Protein backbone atom coordinates (compact mmCIF):
# COMPACT_ATOMS: atom_id res chain seq x y z
CA MET A 1 29.59 63.91 155.65
CA ILE A 2 26.95 61.45 154.39
CA LYS A 3 23.55 62.52 153.16
CA HIS A 4 20.93 60.19 151.70
CA CYS A 5 17.52 60.95 150.27
CA TYR A 6 15.51 57.87 149.37
CA ALA A 7 12.69 57.78 146.85
CA LEU A 8 10.70 54.85 145.57
CA LEU A 9 9.64 55.08 141.94
CA LEU A 10 6.80 52.93 140.68
CA GLN A 11 6.96 51.78 137.09
CA ASP A 12 3.81 51.18 135.01
CA GLY A 13 1.67 52.74 137.75
CA GLY A 14 1.02 49.45 139.55
CA ILE A 15 1.67 48.80 143.22
CA ASN A 16 2.73 45.18 142.67
CA LYS A 17 4.58 45.76 139.42
CA GLY A 18 8.32 46.38 139.06
CA ARG A 19 9.84 48.95 141.37
CA LEU A 20 13.04 50.87 140.84
CA ARG A 21 14.75 52.19 143.94
CA THR A 22 16.75 55.37 143.44
CA MET A 23 18.54 57.58 145.89
CA ASN A 24 20.54 60.77 146.00
CA GLN A 25 23.95 60.39 147.57
CA THR A 26 26.28 63.25 148.43
CA LEU A 27 30.00 62.56 148.16
CA LYS A 28 32.63 64.85 149.65
CA ILE A 29 35.41 65.21 147.03
CA THR A 30 38.86 66.68 147.52
CA GLY A 31 41.48 67.47 144.92
CA MET A 32 39.29 69.37 142.44
CA THR A 33 40.81 72.76 141.61
CA CYS A 34 39.16 73.86 138.34
CA ASN A 35 36.24 73.32 135.96
CA HIS A 36 38.24 70.68 134.09
CA CYS A 37 38.48 68.70 137.36
CA LYS A 38 34.73 69.12 137.86
CA ALA A 39 34.00 67.82 134.36
CA HIS A 40 36.40 64.90 134.86
CA VAL A 41 34.60 63.84 138.06
CA GLU A 42 31.16 64.21 136.42
CA LYS A 43 32.24 62.06 133.48
CA ALA A 44 33.68 59.38 135.77
CA LEU A 45 30.51 59.20 137.86
CA LEU A 46 28.21 59.10 134.83
CA LYS A 47 30.04 55.98 133.62
CA VAL A 48 28.99 54.04 136.74
CA GLY A 49 26.08 51.69 136.10
CA GLY A 50 22.85 52.89 137.68
CA VAL A 51 23.80 56.57 137.76
CA GLN A 52 21.04 58.75 136.34
CA GLN A 53 22.24 62.26 137.13
CA VAL A 54 25.32 63.96 138.60
CA ASP A 55 25.73 67.48 139.99
CA VAL A 56 29.29 68.37 141.00
CA ASN A 57 29.83 71.58 142.97
CA LEU A 58 33.44 72.72 142.70
CA GLU A 59 33.16 75.38 145.42
CA LYS A 60 31.60 73.01 147.98
CA GLY A 61 33.82 70.10 146.95
CA GLU A 62 30.93 67.70 146.64
CA ALA A 63 28.91 65.69 144.16
CA VAL A 64 25.24 64.77 144.39
CA VAL A 65 24.57 61.57 142.49
CA ALA A 66 21.06 60.31 141.66
CA GLY A 67 20.51 56.67 140.81
CA SER A 68 20.79 53.15 142.12
CA ALA A 69 24.59 52.77 142.10
CA GLY A 70 26.28 51.69 145.31
CA ARG A 71 28.27 54.19 147.32
CA GLU A 72 31.49 52.15 147.10
CA GLU A 73 31.21 52.07 143.30
CA LEU A 74 30.86 55.85 143.22
CA ILE A 75 33.83 56.40 145.50
CA LYS A 76 35.95 54.01 143.41
CA ALA A 77 35.04 55.88 140.21
CA VAL A 78 36.11 59.21 141.75
CA GLU A 79 39.33 57.73 143.12
CA ASP A 80 40.13 56.04 139.79
CA ALA A 81 39.75 59.49 138.19
CA GLY A 82 42.48 60.79 140.52
CA TYR A 83 40.51 62.48 143.31
CA ASN A 84 39.62 61.60 146.91
CA ALA A 85 36.04 60.86 147.92
CA GLU A 86 34.16 59.93 151.06
């Protein structure tokens, strides 16, 4: 399941000035069984460059990640932490 929500943030209030593209990405995560697992996944995702916010839902088995990090980087971080992600 892939969900994307794109938002364009303008910095300094100018149309032609620097723009920062952020998006919310939802990752399906398997292997989490407790709140310690949830915290471990959150910590791993927050270490990825460009991640601004993480919300992991243990019951749904998913994480919503806000920021500019690439999807493959996020999946790798979750997998390196010992869980499966798609």
